[in-house]
Amino acid sequence: MNYHLKRSIKSFISKIILMIIVSFLGKTFFPDVSKFMFSFYFWLIYSIIVIGICYKNYKEIIDSSKHMDLIYETKKEKLSYAKLEMYAVWSGTFVEITKTKLDLLKTFSPIPIIIFILGLYTNNNSNINSKINLFSTELLLGDLLMYLGIGIPVFYFYYIYSTFSAYKKHMRTMIDYKAEAIVAKEEIKEFSK
């Protein structure tokens, strides 16, 4: 089994273990909601989401290791300086895109929504204590709002973290291409003397 696949499997197992821990904590503090957490539908949806995230991470790990191979192959070709500069410009475009995405995520923070949800939960009005049916499990609306108040920030911070990781990866790739382009340019100057 290669390194990339091992890393993705470890990521998948850690996410499943994390959800099991959250489920047991939920069973302790919110017993009605834990019925929903242990339902088949919830685990099916969660597993599909986690498999998708792990597959995306697997592809990103493979792509990041391929750019060094591309650099070494490009250095053997004619016009390697121009090609490396072109790759650096492409990577710079991805840096700007992920930076803009990160700025947008910071702008549209869910913190006000969370404060509103937690305010509804702590307000203790009669609508909060009404029961709703979700995946054939009856839940109190207040408990569901509390889980949303906890779940939304977790997904938001995960999304910010993954976007920042992509930003760092694109920045590193751009720097690698620029550095190798400078080396190729100097080698051309030395060769032409």
N, C-alpha and C. Protein backbone atom coordinates (compact mmCIF):
# COMPACT_ATOMS: atom_id res chain seq x y z
N MET A 1 0.85 -1.17 0.00
CA MET A 1 0.00 0.00 0.00
C MET A 1 0.90 1.24 0.00
N ASN A 2 0.61 2.18 -0.91
CA ASN A 2 1.47 3.36 -1.00
C ASN A 2 1.18 4.37 0.10
N TYR A 3 2.07 5.32 0.22
CA TYR A 3 2.01 6.32 1.29
C TYR A 3 0.72 7.14 1.21
N HIS A 4 0.33 7.54 0.02
CA HIS A 4 -0.84 8.40 -0.15
C HIS A 4 -2.12 7.70 0.31
N LEU A 5 -2.25 6.43 -0.04
CA LEU A 5 -3.44 5.68 0.34
C LEU A 5 -3.48 5.44 1.85
N LYS A 6 -2.33 5.13 2.46
CA LYS A 6 -2.27 4.95 3.91
C LYS A 6 -2.71 6.21 4.64
N ARG A 7 -2.25 7.34 4.15
CA ARG A 7 -2.60 8.61 4.79
C ARG A 7 -4.09 8.88 4.68
N SER A 8 -4.69 8.57 3.55
CA SER A 8 -6.13 8.78 3.36
C SER A 8 -6.94 7.84 4.24
N ILE A 9 -6.51 6.60 4.38
CA ILE A 9 -7.23 5.65 5.24
C ILE A 9 -7.14 6.09 6.70
N LYS A 10 -5.97 6.57 7.12
CA LYS A 10 -5.84 7.07 8.50
C LYS A 10 -6.76 8.26 8.72
N SER A 11 -6.87 9.13 7.73
CA SER A 11 -7.77 10.28 7.84
C SER A 11 -9.22 9.83 7.97
N PHE A 12 -9.62 8.84 7.18
CA PHE A 12 -10.99 8.32 7.24
C PHE A 12 -11.28 7.72 8.62
N ILE A 13 -10.37 6.91 9.11
CA ILE A 13 -10.57 6.26 10.42
C ILE A 13 -10.64 7.30 11.53
N SER A 14 -9.80 8.33 11.46
CA SER A 14 -9.83 9.36 12.51
C SER A 14 -11.14 10.14 12.50
N LYS A 15 -11.71 10.38 11.32
CA LYS A 15 -12.98 11.10 11.24
C LYS A 15 -14.13 10.24 11.77
N ILE A 16 -14.10 8.95 11.51
CA ILE A 16 -15.14 8.05 12.03
C ILE A 16 -15.03 7.96 13.56
N ILE A 17 -13.80 7.83 14.07
CA ILE A 17 -13.61 7.77 15.53
C ILE A 17 -14.08 9.06 16.18
N LEU A 18 -13.80 10.20 15.55
CA LEU A 18 -14.25 11.48 16.09
C LEU A 18 -15.77 11.53 16.17
N MET A 19 -16.46 11.04 15.14
CA MET A 19 -17.92 11.06 15.17
C MET A 19 -18.47 10.09 16.20
N ILE A 20 -17.82 8.97 16.42
CA ILE A 20 -18.26 8.04 17.47
C ILE A 20 -18.13 8.69 18.83
N ILE A 21 -17.04 9.41 19.07
CA ILE A 21 -16.87 10.12 20.34
C ILE A 21 -17.95 11.18 20.51
N VAL A 22 -18.21 11.94 19.44
CA VAL A 22 -19.27 12.96 19.50
C VAL A 22 -20.62 12.31 19.77
N SER A 23 -20.86 11.15 19.17
CA SER A 23 -22.13 10.44 19.38
C SER A 23 -22.29 10.02 20.83
N PHE A 24 -21.23 9.49 21.43
CA PHE A 24 -21.32 9.08 22.83
C PHE A 24 -21.49 10.27 23.77
N LEU A 25 -20.82 11.37 23.44
CA LEU A 25 -21.02 12.59 24.24
C LEU A 25 -22.45 13.08 24.10
N GLY A 26 -22.98 13.00 22.88
CA GLY A 26 -24.36 13.40 22.65
C GLY A 26 -25.34 12.52 23.39
N LYS A 27 -25.03 11.23 23.47
CA LYS A 27 -25.90 10.30 24.20
C LYS A 27 -25.95 10.66 25.67
N THR A 28 -24.83 11.14 26.19
CA THR A 28 -24.77 11.52 27.61
C THR A 28 -25.54 12.80 27.87
N PHE A 29 -25.33 13.82 27.02
CA PHE A 29 -25.91 15.13 27.29
C PHE A 29 -27.26 15.35 26.62
N PHE A 30 -27.49 14.75 25.47
CA PHE A 30 -28.74 14.90 24.73
C PHE A 30 -29.27 13.53 24.33
N PRO A 31 -29.91 12.81 25.22
CA PRO A 31 -30.32 11.44 24.90
C PRO A 31 -31.32 11.34 23.74
N ASP A 32 -32.19 12.34 23.57
CA ASP A 32 -33.14 12.28 22.45
C ASP A 32 -32.44 12.43 21.11
N VAL A 33 -31.44 13.30 21.06
CA VAL A 33 -30.72 13.52 19.81
C VAL A 33 -29.84 12.32 19.47
N SER A 34 -29.38 11.61 20.49
CA SER A 34 -28.51 10.47 20.22
C SER A 34 -29.24 9.36 19.47
N LYS A 35 -30.56 9.30 19.59
CA LYS A 35 -31.31 8.32 18.79
C LYS A 35 -31.13 8.62 17.31
N PHE A 36 -31.12 9.89 16.99
CA PHE A 36 -30.89 10.30 15.60
C PHE A 36 -29.44 10.02 15.20
N MET A 37 -28.50 10.27 16.12
CA MET A 37 -27.08 10.09 15.81
C MET A 37 -26.72 8.64 15.55
N PHE A 38 -27.43 7.70 16.14
CA PHE A 38 -27.13 6.30 15.93
C PHE A 38 -28.02 5.67 14.86
N SER A 39 -28.76 6.49 14.12
CA SER A 39 -29.61 5.93 13.07
C SER A 39 -28.78 5.56 11.85
N PHE A 40 -29.29 4.66 11.07
CA PHE A 40 -28.62 4.18 9.87
C PHE A 40 -28.42 5.30 8.85
N TYR A 41 -29.44 6.14 8.68
CA TYR A 41 -29.38 7.21 7.68
C TYR A 41 -28.28 8.22 7.99
N PHE A 42 -28.17 8.57 9.27
CA PHE A 42 -27.14 9.53 9.65
C PHE A 42 -25.76 8.98 9.33
N TRP A 43 -25.48 7.72 9.71
CA TRP A 43 -24.16 7.14 9.48
C TRP A 43 -23.90 6.95 7.99
N LEU A 44 -24.93 6.67 7.22
CA LEU A 44 -24.76 6.53 5.78
C LEU A 44 -24.36 7.87 5.16
N ILE A 45 -25.09 8.93 5.50
CA ILE A 45 -24.78 10.26 4.97
C ILE A 45 -23.40 10.72 5.44
N TYR A 46 -23.11 10.53 6.71
CA TYR A 46 -21.81 10.93 7.25
C TYR A 46 -20.68 10.17 6.57
N SER A 47 -20.84 8.86 6.38
CA SER A 47 -19.79 8.05 5.75
C SER A 47 -19.55 8.50 4.31
N ILE A 48 -20.61 8.81 3.59
CA ILE A 48 -20.45 9.28 2.21
C ILE A 48 -19.70 10.61 2.17
N ILE A 49 -20.04 11.51 3.07
CA ILE A 49 -19.35 12.80 3.13
C ILE A 49 -17.87 12.60 3.47
N VAL A 50 -17.59 11.76 4.45
CA VAL A 50 -16.20 11.53 4.86
C VAL A 50 -15.40 10.84 3.75
N ILE A 51 -16.00 9.89 3.06
CA ILE A 51 -15.31 9.23 1.95
C ILE A 51 -15.00 10.25 0.86
N GLY A 52 -15.94 11.15 0.58
CA GLY A 52 -15.70 12.21 -0.42
C GLY A 52 -14.56 13.13 0.00
N ILE A 53 -14.53 13.52 1.26
CA ILE A 53 -13.46 14.39 1.75
C ILE A 53 -12.11 13.68 1.68
N CYS A 54 -12.07 12.42 2.10
CA CYS A 54 -10.82 11.66 2.07
C CYS A 54 -10.33 11.44 0.64
N TYR A 55 -11.25 11.20 -0.28
CA TYR A 55 -10.86 11.02 -1.68
C TYR A 55 -10.28 12.32 -2.25
N LYS A 56 -10.91 13.43 -1.90
CA LYS A 56 -10.41 14.73 -2.36
C LYS A 56 -9.01 14.99 -1.80
N ASN A 57 -8.81 14.68 -0.51
CA ASN A 57 -7.49 14.85 0.10
C ASN A 57 -6.46 13.94 -0.56
N TYR A 58 -6.87 12.71 -0.89
CA TYR A 58 -5.98 11.76 -1.56
C TYR A 58 -5.52 12.32 -2.91
N LYS A 59 -6.46 12.86 -3.68
CA LYS A 59 -6.11 13.44 -4.98
C LYS A 59 -5.19 14.64 -4.83
N GLU A 60 -5.43 15.46 -3.79
CA GLU A 60 -4.59 16.64 -3.56
C GLU A 60 -3.17 16.24 -3.18
N ILE A 61 -3.03 15.18 -2.37
CA ILE A 61 -1.70 14.71 -1.98
C ILE A 61 -0.94 14.22 -3.21
N ILE A 62 -1.62 13.47 -4.07
CA ILE A 62 -0.97 12.96 -5.28
C ILE A 62 -0.59 14.12 -6.20
N ASP A 63 -1.49 15.10 -6.36
CA ASP A 63 -1.20 16.25 -7.23
C ASP A 63 -0.02 17.06 -6.72
N SER A 64 0.08 17.23 -5.40
CA SER A 64 1.18 18.02 -4.86
C SER A 64 2.51 17.31 -5.02
N SER A 65 2.51 15.98 -5.03
CA SER A 65 3.77 15.27 -5.24
C SER A 65 4.15 15.23 -6.72
N LYS A 66 3.19 15.40 -7.61
CA LYS A 66 3.46 15.34 -9.05
C LYS A 66 4.13 16.62 -9.56
N HIS A 67 3.95 17.74 -8.88
CA HIS A 67 4.51 18.97 -9.43
C HIS A 67 6.04 18.97 -9.39
N MET A 68 6.64 18.27 -8.44
CA MET A 68 8.10 18.18 -8.41
C MET A 68 8.59 17.31 -9.58
N ASP A 69 7.84 16.26 -9.91
CA ASP A 69 8.19 15.45 -11.08
C ASP A 69 8.10 16.29 -12.35
N LEU A 70 7.07 17.14 -12.42
CA LEU A 70 6.91 18.01 -13.57
C LEU A 70 8.08 18.99 -13.69
N ILE A 71 8.55 19.50 -12.57
CA ILE A 71 9.69 20.43 -12.58
C ILE A 71 10.92 19.74 -13.16
N TYR A 72 11.21 18.53 -12.68
CA TYR A 72 12.41 17.84 -13.15
C TYR A 72 12.31 17.45 -14.62
N GLU A 73 11.11 17.09 -15.07
CA GLU A 73 10.94 16.77 -16.49
C GLU A 73 11.06 18.03 -17.35
N THR A 74 10.53 19.14 -16.87
CA THR A 74 10.56 20.38 -17.62
C THR A 74 11.99 20.92 -17.73
N LYS A 75 12.80 20.72 -16.69
CA LYS A 75 14.18 21.21 -16.73
C LYS A 75 15.02 20.52 -17.79
N LYS A 76 14.60 19.36 -18.25
CA LYS A 76 15.33 18.63 -19.28
C LYS A 76 14.97 19.12 -20.67
N GLU A 77 13.88 19.88 -20.81
CA GLU A 77 13.40 20.31 -22.13
C GLU A 77 14.02 21.63 -22.55
N LYS A 78 13.87 21.94 -23.84
CA LYS A 78 14.25 23.26 -24.32
C LYS A 78 13.22 24.26 -23.81
N LEU A 79 13.61 25.48 -23.68
CA LEU A 79 12.76 26.56 -23.17
C LEU A 79 12.22 26.25 -21.77
N SER A 80 13.02 25.58 -20.97
CA SER A 80 12.56 25.19 -19.63
C SER A 80 12.27 26.42 -18.77
N TYR A 81 13.05 27.50 -18.95
CA TYR A 81 12.82 28.71 -18.16
C TYR A 81 11.42 29.26 -18.44
N ALA A 82 11.06 29.35 -19.72
CA ALA A 82 9.75 29.91 -20.10
C ALA A 82 8.61 29.03 -19.59
N LYS A 83 8.78 27.72 -19.69
CA LYS A 83 7.73 26.82 -19.21
C LYS A 83 7.58 26.90 -17.70
N LEU A 84 8.70 26.98 -16.99
CA LEU A 84 8.62 27.09 -15.53
C LEU A 84 7.97 28.41 -15.12
N GLU A 85 8.27 29.47 -15.85
CA GLU A 85 7.61 30.77 -15.57
C GLU A 85 6.11 30.68 -15.84
N MET A 86 5.73 29.97 -16.91
CA MET A 86 4.32 29.79 -17.23
C MET A 86 3.62 29.01 -16.11
N TYR A 87 4.26 27.96 -15.61
CA TYR A 87 3.68 27.18 -14.50
C TYR A 87 3.57 28.04 -13.23
N ALA A 88 4.54 28.91 -13.03
CA ALA A 88 4.51 29.80 -11.85
C ALA A 88 3.33 30.78 -11.95
N VAL A 89 3.06 31.26 -13.16
CA VAL A 89 1.91 32.16 -13.36
C VAL A 89 0.61 31.42 -13.11
N TRP A 90 0.50 30.19 -13.61
CA TRP A 90 -0.70 29.39 -13.37
C TRP A 90 -0.90 29.16 -11.87
N SER A 91 0.17 28.79 -11.19
CA SER A 91 0.07 28.58 -9.74
C SER A 91 -0.29 29.87 -9.01
N GLY A 92 0.24 30.98 -9.50
CA GLY A 92 -0.10 32.28 -8.91
C GLY A 92 -1.57 32.60 -9.05
N THR A 93 -2.17 32.17 -10.16
CA THR A 93 -3.61 32.35 -10.35
C THR A 93 -4.38 31.55 -9.31
N PHE A 94 -3.96 30.31 -9.06
CA PHE A 94 -4.63 29.50 -8.04
C PHE A 94 -4.43 30.09 -6.64
N VAL A 95 -3.27 30.69 -6.40
CA VAL A 95 -3.03 31.36 -5.12
C VAL A 95 -4.04 32.49 -4.93
N GLU A 96 -4.23 33.29 -5.96
CA GLU A 96 -5.18 34.41 -5.86
C GLU A 96 -6.62 33.92 -5.68
N ILE A 97 -6.99 32.84 -6.38
CA ILE A 97 -8.34 32.30 -6.25
C ILE A 97 -8.59 31.81 -4.83
N THR A 98 -7.65 31.03 -4.29
CA THR A 98 -7.86 30.51 -2.93
C THR A 98 -7.79 31.62 -1.89
N LYS A 99 -6.98 32.65 -2.15
CA LYS A 99 -6.93 33.79 -1.22
C LYS A 99 -8.27 34.53 -1.21
N THR A 100 -8.86 34.71 -2.38
CA THR A 100 -10.17 35.35 -2.47
C THR A 100 -11.24 34.50 -1.78
N LYS A 101 -11.16 33.19 -1.99
CA LYS A 101 -12.11 32.28 -1.34
C LYS A 101 -11.98 32.35 0.18
N LEU A 102 -10.74 32.41 0.66
CA LEU A 102 -10.49 32.53 2.10
C LEU A 102 -11.03 33.85 2.64
N ASP A 103 -10.84 34.93 1.90
CA ASP A 103 -11.38 36.23 2.32
C ASP A 103 -12.90 36.21 2.37
N LEU A 104 -13.53 35.56 1.38
CA LEU A 104 -14.99 35.47 1.38
C LEU A 104 -15.50 34.64 2.56
N LEU A 105 -14.79 33.56 2.87
CA LEU A 105 -15.19 32.74 4.02
C LEU A 105 -15.08 33.53 5.32
N LYS A 106 -14.05 34.34 5.42
CA LYS A 106 -13.92 35.15 6.64
C LYS A 106 -15.01 36.22 6.70
N THR A 107 -15.42 36.73 5.55
CA THR A 107 -16.45 37.75 5.52
C THR A 107 -17.81 37.20 5.92
N PHE A 108 -18.15 36.01 5.39
CA PHE A 108 -19.46 35.42 5.65
C PHE A 108 -19.37 34.39 6.78
N SER A 109 -18.95 34.84 7.90
CA SER A 109 -18.81 33.97 9.07
C SER A 109 -20.19 33.59 9.62
N PRO A 110 -20.35 32.34 10.06
CA PRO A 110 -21.65 31.92 10.62
C PRO A 110 -21.83 32.28 12.09
N ILE A 111 -20.92 33.03 12.65
CA ILE A 111 -21.00 33.36 14.08
C ILE A 111 -22.31 34.07 14.44
N PRO A 112 -22.81 35.04 13.66
CA PRO A 112 -24.11 35.64 14.02
C PRO A 112 -25.26 34.64 14.00
N ILE A 113 -25.23 33.69 13.05
CA ILE A 113 -26.28 32.66 13.01
C ILE A 113 -26.20 31.77 14.24
N ILE A 114 -24.99 31.45 14.64
CA ILE A 114 -24.79 30.60 15.82
C ILE A 114 -25.30 31.31 17.08
N ILE A 115 -25.00 32.59 17.19
CA ILE A 115 -25.48 33.36 18.35
C ILE A 115 -27.00 33.39 18.36
N PHE A 116 -27.61 33.53 17.19
CA PHE A 116 -29.07 33.52 17.11
C PHE A 116 -29.63 32.16 17.53
N ILE A 117 -29.03 31.07 17.03
CA ILE A 117 -29.50 29.72 17.36
C ILE A 117 -29.34 29.46 18.85
N LEU A 118 -28.18 29.80 19.40
CA LEU A 118 -27.97 29.58 20.83
C LEU A 118 -28.87 30.48 21.67
N GLY A 119 -29.18 31.67 21.17
CA GLY A 119 -30.12 32.55 21.86
C GLY A 119 -31.52 31.94 21.90
N LEU A 120 -31.94 31.34 20.79
CA LEU A 120 -33.23 30.65 20.78
C LEU A 120 -33.24 29.49 21.76
N TYR A 121 -32.11 28.78 21.81
CA TYR A 121 -32.03 27.62 22.69
C TYR A 121 -32.12 28.03 24.16
N THR A 122 -31.42 29.07 24.51
CA THR A 122 -31.39 29.48 25.92
C THR A 122 -32.59 30.32 26.32
N ASN A 123 -33.37 30.81 25.34
CA ASN A 123 -34.52 31.66 25.63
C ASN A 123 -35.62 30.89 26.36
N ASN A 124 -35.68 29.58 26.12
CA ASN A 124 -36.62 28.70 26.83
C ASN A 124 -38.08 29.05 26.55
N ASN A 125 -38.41 29.32 25.31
CA ASN A 125 -39.82 29.55 25.00
C ASN A 125 -40.48 28.23 24.61
N SER A 126 -41.77 28.23 24.46
CA SER A 126 -42.52 26.98 24.26
C SER A 126 -42.26 26.35 22.90
N ASN A 127 -41.92 27.14 21.88
CA ASN A 127 -41.66 26.57 20.56
C ASN A 127 -40.41 25.68 20.56
N ILE A 128 -39.47 25.99 21.42
CA ILE A 128 -38.23 25.22 21.50
C ILE A 128 -38.51 23.81 22.02
N ASN A 129 -39.49 23.67 22.88
CA ASN A 129 -39.78 22.37 23.47
C ASN A 129 -40.70 21.51 22.61
N SER A 130 -41.05 21.97 21.42
CA SER A 130 -41.89 21.16 20.55
C SER A 130 -41.05 20.06 19.90
N LYS A 131 -41.70 18.95 19.63
CA LYS A 131 -41.00 17.80 19.05
C LYS A 131 -41.17 17.82 17.54
N ILE A 132 -40.10 17.41 16.86
CA ILE A 132 -40.15 17.28 15.40
C ILE A 132 -39.71 15.86 15.05
N ASN A 133 -40.15 15.40 13.89
CA ASN A 133 -39.82 14.05 13.44
C ASN A 133 -38.74 14.16 12.37
N LEU A 134 -37.57 13.56 12.62
CA LEU A 134 -36.46 13.61 11.69
C LEU A 134 -35.91 12.20 11.52
N PHE A 135 -35.98 11.66 10.32
CA PHE A 135 -35.55 10.29 10.03
C PHE A 135 -36.21 9.30 10.97
N SER A 136 -37.49 9.43 11.13
CA SER A 136 -38.33 8.58 11.98
C SER A 136 -37.89 8.58 13.45
N THR A 137 -37.29 9.67 13.89
CA THR A 137 -36.90 9.84 15.29
C THR A 137 -37.47 11.16 15.77
N GLU A 138 -38.15 11.13 16.91
CA GLU A 138 -38.68 12.37 17.46
C GLU A 138 -37.61 13.08 18.28
N LEU A 139 -37.44 14.36 17.98
CA LEU A 139 -36.43 15.17 18.66
C LEU A 139 -37.07 16.46 19.16
N LEU A 140 -36.51 17.00 20.22
CA LEU A 140 -36.90 18.34 20.64
C LEU A 140 -36.23 19.35 19.72
N LEU A 141 -36.94 20.36 19.34
CA LEU A 141 -36.39 21.39 18.47
C LEU A 141 -35.19 22.06 19.11
N GLY A 142 -35.23 22.25 20.42
CA GLY A 142 -34.11 22.88 21.12
C GLY A 142 -32.83 22.07 21.04
N ASP A 143 -32.96 20.75 21.16
CA ASP A 143 -31.77 19.90 21.06
C ASP A 143 -31.19 19.94 19.65
N LEU A 144 -32.06 19.94 18.65
CA LEU A 144 -31.60 20.02 17.28
C LEU A 144 -30.89 21.35 17.01
N LEU A 145 -31.46 22.44 17.55
CA LEU A 145 -30.81 23.75 17.40
C LEU A 145 -29.45 23.78 18.08
N MET A 146 -29.35 23.12 19.23
CA MET A 146 -28.07 23.07 19.94
C MET A 146 -27.03 22.32 19.11
N TYR A 147 -27.43 21.21 18.49
CA TYR A 147 -26.48 20.49 17.64
C TYR A 147 -26.09 21.32 16.41
N LEU A 148 -27.04 22.06 15.86
CA LEU A 148 -26.69 22.95 14.75
C LEU A 148 -25.73 24.04 15.21
N GLY A 149 -25.96 24.55 16.42
CA GLY A 149 -25.08 25.58 16.97
C GLY A 149 -23.67 25.08 17.20
N ILE A 150 -23.52 23.79 17.41
CA ILE A 150 -22.19 23.20 17.58
C ILE A 150 -21.65 22.71 16.23
N GLY A 151 -22.52 22.15 15.39
CA GLY A 151 -22.09 21.55 14.13
C GLY A 151 -21.67 22.55 13.07
N ILE A 152 -22.38 23.67 12.99
CA ILE A 152 -22.06 24.68 11.97
C ILE A 152 -20.65 25.23 12.16
N PRO A 153 -20.22 25.60 13.37
CA PRO A 153 -18.85 26.10 13.51
C PRO A 153 -17.79 25.04 13.19
N VAL A 154 -18.08 23.78 13.54
CA VAL A 154 -17.11 22.72 13.24
C VAL A 154 -16.88 22.62 11.74
N PHE A 155 -17.96 22.58 10.96
CA PHE A 155 -17.82 22.50 9.50
C PHE A 155 -17.22 23.78 8.93
N TYR A 156 -17.59 24.92 9.50
CA TYR A 156 -17.04 26.19 9.03
C TYR A 156 -15.53 26.24 9.25
N PHE A 157 -15.07 25.88 10.44
CA PHE A 157 -13.64 25.92 10.72
C PHE A 157 -12.89 24.87 9.91
N TYR A 158 -13.52 23.73 9.66
CA TYR A 158 -12.89 22.73 8.81
C TYR A 158 -12.73 23.28 7.38
N TYR A 159 -13.77 23.95 6.89
CA TYR A 159 -13.72 24.50 5.54
C TYR A 159 -12.68 25.60 5.43
N ILE A 160 -12.58 26.45 6.46
CA ILE A 160 -11.55 27.49 6.47
C ILE A 160 -10.16 26.85 6.51
N TYR A 161 -10.01 25.81 7.34
CA TYR A 161 -8.71 25.14 7.45
C TYR A 161 -8.32 24.49 6.12
N SER A 162 -9.26 23.82 5.45
CA SER A 162 -8.93 23.16 4.18
C SER A 162 -8.62 24.20 3.10
N THR A 163 -9.32 25.33 3.12
CA THR A 163 -9.04 26.39 2.15
C THR A 163 -7.67 26.99 2.40
N PHE A 164 -7.33 27.19 3.68
CA PHE A 164 -6.00 27.71 4.01
C PHE A 164 -4.91 26.72 3.62
N SER A 165 -5.17 25.42 3.80
CA SER A 165 -4.20 24.39 3.39
C SER A 165 -4.00 24.43 1.87
N ALA A 166 -5.10 24.60 1.13
CA ALA A 166 -4.99 24.70 -0.33
C ALA A 166 -4.20 25.96 -0.72
N TYR A 167 -4.42 27.05 0.01
CA TYR A 167 -3.68 28.29 -0.24
C TYR A 167 -2.18 28.06 -0.03
N LYS A 168 -1.83 27.40 1.07
CA LYS A 168 -0.41 27.12 1.34
C LYS A 168 0.18 26.21 0.27
N LYS A 169 -0.59 25.21 -0.18
CA LYS A 169 -0.10 24.28 -1.20
C LYS A 169 0.16 25.02 -2.51
N HIS A 170 -0.77 25.87 -2.93
CA HIS A 170 -0.59 26.61 -4.17
C HIS A 170 0.56 27.60 -4.05
N MET A 171 0.70 28.20 -2.89
CA MET A 171 1.81 29.14 -2.67
C MET A 171 3.15 28.40 -2.76
N ARG A 172 3.21 27.24 -2.13
CA ARG A 172 4.44 26.43 -2.17
C ARG A 172 4.76 26.01 -3.61
N THR A 173 3.75 25.60 -4.36
CA THR A 173 3.96 25.19 -5.74
C THR A 173 4.47 26.36 -6.58
N MET A 174 3.88 27.54 -6.38
CA MET A 174 4.31 28.72 -7.13
C MET A 174 5.76 29.07 -6.80
N ILE A 175 6.11 28.99 -5.52
CA ILE A 175 7.49 29.30 -5.12
C ILE A 175 8.46 28.29 -5.71
N ASP A 176 8.08 27.00 -5.73
CA ASP A 176 8.95 25.98 -6.33
C ASP A 176 9.18 26.27 -7.81
N TYR A 177 8.11 26.61 -8.54
CA TYR A 177 8.26 26.91 -9.96
C TYR A 177 9.12 28.15 -10.18
N LYS A 178 8.90 29.19 -9.39
CA LYS A 178 9.69 30.42 -9.55
C LYS A 178 11.16 30.17 -9.23
N ALA A 179 11.41 29.41 -8.16
CA ALA A 179 12.80 29.14 -7.79
C ALA A 179 13.50 28.33 -8.87
N GLU A 180 12.83 27.33 -9.40
CA GLU A 180 13.45 26.52 -10.46
C GLU A 180 13.59 27.32 -11.75
N ALA A 181 12.69 28.27 -11.99
CA ALA A 181 12.82 29.13 -13.18
C ALA A 181 14.05 30.01 -13.06
N ILE A 182 14.31 30.52 -11.86
CA ILE A 182 15.51 31.35 -11.64
C ILE A 182 16.77 30.51 -11.87
N VAL A 183 16.77 29.29 -11.35
CA VAL A 183 17.92 28.41 -11.56
C VAL A 183 18.10 28.10 -13.04
N ALA A 184 17.01 27.82 -13.74
CA ALA A 184 17.10 27.53 -15.19
C ALA A 184 17.61 28.74 -15.95
N LYS A 185 17.20 29.93 -15.55
CA LYS A 185 17.66 31.15 -16.22
C LYS A 185 19.15 31.34 -16.02
N GLU A 186 19.62 31.09 -14.80
CA GLU A 186 21.05 31.22 -14.53
C GLU A 186 21.86 30.17 -15.28
N GLU A 187 21.31 28.96 -15.41
CA GLU A 187 22.00 27.92 -16.16
C GLU A 187 22.10 28.29 -17.63
N ILE A 188 21.05 28.94 -18.17
CA ILE A 188 21.09 29.39 -19.58
C ILE A 188 22.16 30.45 -19.75
N LYS A 189 22.27 31.37 -18.78
CA LYS A 189 23.29 32.42 -18.86
C LYS A 189 24.70 31.82 -18.82
N GLU A 190 24.88 30.85 -17.92
CA GLU A 190 26.19 30.21 -17.81
C GLU A 190 26.53 29.43 -19.07
N PHE A 191 25.53 28.79 -19.65
CA PHE A 191 25.76 27.97 -20.84
C PHE A 191 26.06 28.84 -22.06
N SER A 192 25.45 30.03 -22.11
CA SER A 192 25.63 30.90 -23.28
C SER A 192 26.97 31.64 -23.26
N LYS A 193 27.67 31.64 -22.14
CA LYS A 193 28.97 32.34 -22.07
C LYS A 193 30.06 31.63 -22.80
